[in-house]
Protein backbone atom coordinates (compact mmCIF):
# COMPACT_ATOMS: atom_id res chain seq x y z
CA MET A 1 3.27 18.22 -14.90
CA PHE A 2 3.95 20.88 -12.29
CA ILE A 3 6.72 20.13 -9.76
CA VAL A 4 7.02 21.99 -6.46
CA LYS A 5 9.97 21.72 -4.08
CA ILE A 6 9.15 22.14 -0.40
CA PRO A 7 12.35 21.94 1.70
CA ALA A 8 10.55 21.78 5.04
CA ILE A 9 11.33 19.47 7.96
CA ASN A 10 9.83 19.08 11.44
CA ALA A 11 10.98 15.90 13.08
CA PHE A 12 13.14 16.92 16.03
CA GLY A 13 16.30 16.91 13.87
CA ILE A 14 15.84 13.27 12.84
CA THR A 15 15.08 14.14 9.21
CA GLU A 16 17.71 16.84 8.79
CA GLY A 17 19.02 16.42 5.25
CA CYS A 18 15.60 15.77 3.72
CA GLU A 19 15.22 19.49 2.99
CA ARG A 20 17.81 19.13 0.21
CA ALA A 21 16.12 16.19 -1.49
CA GLY A 22 14.15 18.22 -4.03
CA ASP A 23 17.27 19.75 -5.56
CA ALA A 24 19.06 16.40 -5.51
CA ILE A 25 16.17 14.62 -7.26
CA ILE A 26 15.88 17.24 -10.00
CA LYS A 27 19.64 17.08 -10.55
CA GLU A 28 19.54 13.29 -10.79
CA MET A 29 16.71 13.44 -13.34
CA LYS A 30 19.17 14.91 -15.83
CA ASN A 31 20.56 11.36 -16.08
CA ILE A 32 17.17 9.93 -17.12
CA TRP A 33 16.52 10.23 -20.86
CA ALA A 34 13.01 8.73 -20.92
CA ASN A 35 10.60 6.94 -18.62
CA GLU A 36 9.49 3.34 -19.18
CA SER A 37 6.56 4.37 -21.36
CA GLY A 38 9.05 6.05 -23.69
CA LYS A 39 8.16 9.62 -22.74
CA PRO A 40 11.25 11.88 -22.92
CA VAL A 41 12.46 13.31 -19.63
CA ASN A 42 13.97 16.77 -20.00
CA ALA A 43 14.77 18.14 -16.56
CA ASP A 44 15.70 21.54 -18.01
CA SER A 45 12.17 22.09 -19.29
CA PHE A 46 10.22 21.19 -16.12
CA ASP A 47 7.50 23.50 -14.89
CA LEU A 48 9.28 23.90 -11.56
CA GLU A 49 8.68 26.02 -8.48
CA GLU A 50 9.91 26.16 -4.88
CA ILE A 51 8.01 27.31 -1.84
CA HIS A 52 10.60 29.31 0.08
CA ILE A 53 10.16 28.54 3.73
CA ASP A 54 11.90 29.08 7.06
CA ASN A 55 12.45 25.92 9.09
CA PHE A 56 13.04 28.10 12.15
CA ASP A 57 9.50 29.51 11.91
CA LEU A 58 7.31 26.45 11.43
CA GLU A 59 3.98 28.23 11.96
CA LYS A 60 4.78 30.65 9.12
CA THR A 61 6.14 27.77 7.04
CA ASN A 62 2.92 25.76 7.35
CA LYS A 63 0.85 28.84 6.45
CA LEU A 64 2.97 29.42 3.33
CA ILE A 65 2.72 25.78 2.26
CA TYR A 66 -1.05 25.77 2.78
CA GLU A 67 -1.67 29.02 0.88
CA ASN A 68 0.60 28.12 -2.03
CA SER A 69 -0.81 24.59 -2.26
CA LEU A 70 -4.40 25.84 -2.32
CA GLU A 71 -3.57 28.18 -5.20
CA ILE A 72 -1.78 25.35 -7.02
CA PHE A 73 -4.79 23.02 -6.68
CA GLU A 74 -7.03 25.73 -8.10
CA THR A 75 -4.79 26.44 -11.12
CA LYS A 76 -2.82 23.28 -11.99
CA PRO A 77 -4.24 19.99 -13.28
CA LYS A 78 -1.61 17.76 -11.63
CA THR A 79 1.27 18.46 -9.25
CA ILE A 80 4.20 16.62 -7.67
CA PHE A 81 5.40 18.00 -4.33
CA LEU A 82 8.98 17.12 -3.38
CA GLY A 83 9.82 17.21 0.34
CA GLY A 84 11.14 17.60 2.86
CA ASP A 85 9.90 15.16 5.44
CA HIS A 86 6.34 13.93 5.88
CA SER A 87 5.32 16.94 7.95
CA ILE A 88 4.81 18.84 4.66
CA SER A 89 1.82 16.63 3.88
CA SER A 90 -0.24 18.16 6.67
CA PRO A 91 -0.65 21.68 5.19
CA ILE A 92 -0.75 20.34 1.61
CA VAL A 93 -3.50 17.79 2.30
CA LYS A 94 -5.46 20.35 4.34
CA ALA A 95 -5.30 22.65 1.30
CA PHE A 96 -6.36 19.73 -0.92
CA LEU A 97 -9.37 19.04 1.29
CA ASP A 98 -10.38 22.70 1.33
CA TYR A 99 -9.93 22.87 -2.45
CA CYS A 100 -12.36 19.97 -2.85
CA LYS A 101 -14.84 21.65 -0.50
CA ASN A 102 -14.49 24.95 -2.37
CA GLN A 103 -15.24 23.20 -5.67
CA LYS A 104 -18.49 21.89 -4.20
CA ARG A 105 -19.51 25.37 -3.09
CA VAL A 106 -18.73 26.77 -6.54
CA SER A 107 -20.92 24.07 -8.07
CA GLN A 108 -23.79 24.92 -5.74
CA VAL A 109 -23.58 28.60 -6.61
CA HIS A 110 -23.73 27.89 -10.35
CA SER A 111 -26.52 25.34 -10.30
CA ALA A 112 -28.06 23.04 -7.73
CA SER A 113 -28.34 20.36 -10.41
CA SER A 114 -24.59 20.44 -11.06
CA VAL A 115 -23.48 19.52 -7.54
CA ASN A 116 -23.19 15.79 -8.16
CA SER A 117 -21.32 16.16 -11.44
CA GLN A 118 -18.92 18.94 -10.41
CA SER A 119 -18.27 18.59 -6.70
CA LYS A 120 -15.03 16.82 -5.78
CA GLU A 121 -14.85 14.11 -3.14
CA PRO A 122 -11.33 13.93 -1.66
CA CYS A 123 -9.40 10.67 -1.48
CA LEU A 124 -6.05 10.11 0.23
CA ILE A 125 -3.86 7.07 -0.44
CA VAL A 126 -0.68 6.87 1.63
CA PHE A 127 2.27 4.58 0.90
CA ASP A 128 4.23 4.39 4.16
CA ALA A 129 5.83 1.92 6.55
CA HIS A 130 4.30 3.88 9.46
CA PRO A 131 0.78 5.28 10.07
CA ASP A 132 2.01 8.74 11.20
CA CYS A 133 -1.05 9.24 13.39
CA MET A 134 0.34 9.89 16.83
CA PRO A 135 -1.65 12.53 18.81
CA ALA A 136 -1.68 15.72 16.74
CA LYS A 137 0.47 18.59 17.91
CA LYS A 138 -0.17 22.28 17.28
CA ILE A 139 2.32 22.17 14.40
CA SER A 140 2.46 18.79 12.69
CA THR A 141 5.57 16.64 12.68
CA HIS A 142 6.26 13.67 10.43
CA GLU A 143 4.84 11.42 13.17
CA ASP A 144 1.37 12.98 13.49
CA TRP A 145 0.59 14.70 10.18
CA LEU A 146 -2.17 12.21 9.33
CA SER A 147 -4.02 12.62 12.62
CA ALA A 148 -3.79 16.40 12.11
CA VAL A 149 -5.35 16.06 8.66
CA ILE A 150 -8.16 13.93 10.10
CA GLU A 151 -8.78 16.52 12.82
CA HIS A 152 -9.07 19.09 10.01
CA GLY A 153 -11.99 17.07 8.69
CA PHE A 154 -10.62 14.71 6.06
CA PRO A 155 -13.20 11.89 5.73
CA THR A 156 -11.63 8.76 7.19
CA LYS A 157 -13.67 6.51 4.89
CA ASN A 158 -11.67 7.96 2.00
CA ILE A 159 -8.23 7.27 3.51
CA LEU A 160 -6.25 4.15 2.55
CA LEU A 161 -2.87 3.25 4.06
CA VAL A 162 -0.67 0.92 2.03
CA GLY A 163 2.43 -0.96 3.21
CA ILE A 164 2.14 -0.26 6.95
CA ARG A 165 4.44 -2.59 8.89
CA ASN A 166 5.64 -0.72 12.00
CA SER A 167 3.06 1.10 14.10
CA ASP A 168 2.79 2.26 17.69
CA PRO A 169 -0.01 0.65 19.79
CA GLU A 170 -1.53 4.12 20.22
CA GLU A 171 -1.63 4.48 16.44
CA ASN A 172 -3.27 1.08 16.06
CA THR A 173 -6.03 2.17 18.44
CA PHE A 174 -6.48 5.42 16.51
CA LEU A 175 -6.79 3.54 13.21
CA LYS A 176 -9.27 0.98 14.57
CA GLU A 177 -11.49 3.56 16.24
CA ARG A 178 -11.75 5.55 13.02
CA LYS A 179 -12.05 2.45 10.81
CA ILE A 180 -9.24 3.58 8.52
CA LYS A 181 -8.55 1.03 5.80
CA ILE A 182 -5.11 -0.58 5.60
CA ILE A 183 -3.50 -2.81 3.00
CA PRO A 184 -0.63 -4.58 4.81
CA MET A 185 2.48 -5.91 3.10
CA ASN A 186 1.37 -9.54 2.95
CA GLN A 187 -1.86 -8.62 1.17
CA LEU A 188 0.12 -6.55 -1.31
CA LEU A 189 2.45 -9.42 -2.10
CA ASP A 190 -0.18 -12.17 -2.25
CA ASP A 191 -1.36 -10.78 -5.58
CA LEU A 192 0.22 -7.48 -6.56
CA ARG A 193 -1.93 -7.02 -9.65
CA GLU A 194 -5.23 -7.70 -7.85
CA THR A 195 -4.27 -5.51 -4.89
CA CYS A 196 -3.40 -2.70 -7.28
CA ASP A 197 -6.89 -3.07 -8.75
CA ILE A 198 -8.31 -2.67 -5.23
CA ILE A 199 -6.23 0.47 -4.64
CA MET A 200 -7.35 2.00 -7.92
CA GLU A 201 -10.98 1.07 -7.31
CA PHE A 202 -10.80 2.77 -3.90
CA SER A 203 -10.17 6.13 -5.60
CA LYS A 204 -12.81 5.72 -8.29
CA GLY A 205 -15.02 8.77 -8.64
CA LYS A 206 -12.93 10.77 -6.17
CA GLU A 207 -10.23 13.41 -6.43
CA LEU A 208 -7.02 11.57 -5.56
CA TYR A 209 -4.04 12.69 -3.49
CA LEU A 210 -1.15 10.20 -3.31
CA SER A 211 1.41 10.52 -0.51
CA ILE A 212 4.64 8.54 -0.84
CA ASP A 213 6.98 8.07 2.09
CA ILE A 214 10.08 6.47 0.60
CA ASP A 215 10.30 4.08 3.57
CA VAL A 216 7.42 2.06 2.11
CA ILE A 217 10.22 0.62 -0.02
CA ASP A 218 12.61 -1.83 1.59
CA PRO A 219 15.85 -0.21 2.83
CA ALA A 220 17.80 -2.52 0.52
CA PHE A 221 16.50 -0.29 -2.30
CA ALA A 222 15.97 2.99 -0.41
CA PRO A 223 18.41 3.10 2.50
CA SER A 224 18.61 6.85 3.09
CA THR A 225 15.59 7.75 5.17
CA GLY A 226 14.90 8.54 8.81
CA TYR A 227 13.23 5.32 9.98
CA ASN A 228 14.29 2.28 7.99
CA ALA A 229 11.74 -0.52 8.16
CA PRO A 230 12.85 -3.93 6.82
CA GLY A 231 10.37 -6.02 4.88
CA GLY A 232 9.13 -3.39 2.45
CA LEU A 233 8.36 -3.37 -1.24
CA THR A 234 11.08 -3.77 -3.81
CA SER A 235 11.64 -0.75 -6.02
CA ARG A 236 10.34 -2.77 -8.98
CA GLU A 237 7.10 -3.68 -7.19
CA PHE A 238 6.51 -0.09 -6.21
CA ILE A 239 7.19 1.24 -9.72
CA TYR A 240 4.65 -1.23 -11.07
CA LEU A 241 2.04 0.02 -8.58
CA LEU A 242 2.87 3.62 -9.40
CA GLN A 243 2.65 3.12 -13.16
CA ARG A 244 -0.82 1.63 -12.73
CA ILE A 245 -2.07 4.32 -10.34
CA ASN A 246 -0.69 7.06 -12.58
CA LYS A 247 -3.27 6.04 -15.18
CA VAL A 248 -6.07 7.16 -12.87
CA LYS A 249 -7.54 10.25 -14.52
CA ASN A 250 -8.52 11.87 -11.23
CA LEU A 251 -4.97 11.79 -9.77
CA LYS A 252 -4.58 15.42 -8.71
CA ALA A 253 -1.41 15.47 -6.64
CA ILE A 254 1.49 13.41 -5.34
CA ASP A 255 3.99 14.12 -2.63
CA ILE A 256 7.33 12.31 -2.27
CA VAL A 257 8.93 12.66 1.15
CA GLU A 258 11.55 11.43 3.63
CA ILE A 259 14.43 11.06 1.13
CA ASN A 260 17.58 12.13 2.97
CA SER A 261 19.94 13.24 0.22
CA GLU A 262 22.73 13.98 2.71
CA LEU A 263 22.74 10.41 4.06
CA ASP A 264 22.47 9.16 0.50
CA LYS A 265 25.91 10.49 -0.39
CA ASN A 266 27.25 7.47 1.49
CA ASN A 267 24.92 5.11 -0.40
CA ASN A 268 25.83 5.93 -4.01
CA ASN A 269 22.76 8.24 -4.17
CA LEU A 270 20.60 5.12 -4.46
CA THR A 271 17.56 6.65 -2.73
CA VAL A 272 17.76 9.93 -4.66
CA LYS A 273 18.05 7.96 -7.91
CA LEU A 274 14.92 6.04 -6.97
CA GLY A 275 13.16 9.33 -6.20
CA ALA A 276 14.11 10.61 -9.64
CA LYS A 277 12.87 7.37 -11.20
CA ILE A 278 9.54 7.74 -9.38
CA VAL A 279 9.10 11.31 -10.64
CA SER A 280 9.94 10.29 -14.20
CA GLU A 281 7.28 7.58 -14.15
CA LEU A 282 4.68 10.12 -13.02
CA LEU A 283 5.30 12.48 -15.96
């Protein structure tokens, strides 16, 4: 497993502190000896990298994230990206989409008959309390990264939002017009196992990118994030979902965002510990 720290933030100062989450999570993983499947967790032996960015030059930052992510998708089988806030997902997912398109072109060059077997259809599953699809700005924030990705050409039929429970009316209109699929909290909790089957089936035959905003989890379990939204998943429920989804062979990348490690110092590092637990279960 390749782990990449991206300490980038673009949320009008609201998410300041999230840029330190990657270091805090890796440090906390030294207290985890093994994940629940029994696989040893040795933080000192991680294949670890950081994209060095400048949060005062966001245009350059997004370019660096995009270029590095595209190279990672072309060379690594599976990657975890540690934010940062959710704005990092815009350049990463754009790179993921372009990687999938590039794979199709490579297939066509080699053999017309190999297109169906080798081309990669992108799939995006987002765990988040908010849709993050306000009108896209020139440089994405954590409030509009998803609409920016859609404007870049990500197929809306292959986007699934899970756990949404606080959305702006303008976002609701955007989602309805583009027929983006949503699994709300009540559906999740009616039958967690069956709903997990639906989530996994959604990605079948596609190249999967999983985006995790920590606020999908109830603030009782993950208090240190920018926009707390009561009524979320328990940490146990989310770990169950994650352990199931991690078995999907075509899971290419995961990002984990919106953990504010500075705020978490006042909360016994509960959110950072959960972030470390999530990473360990993905190994």
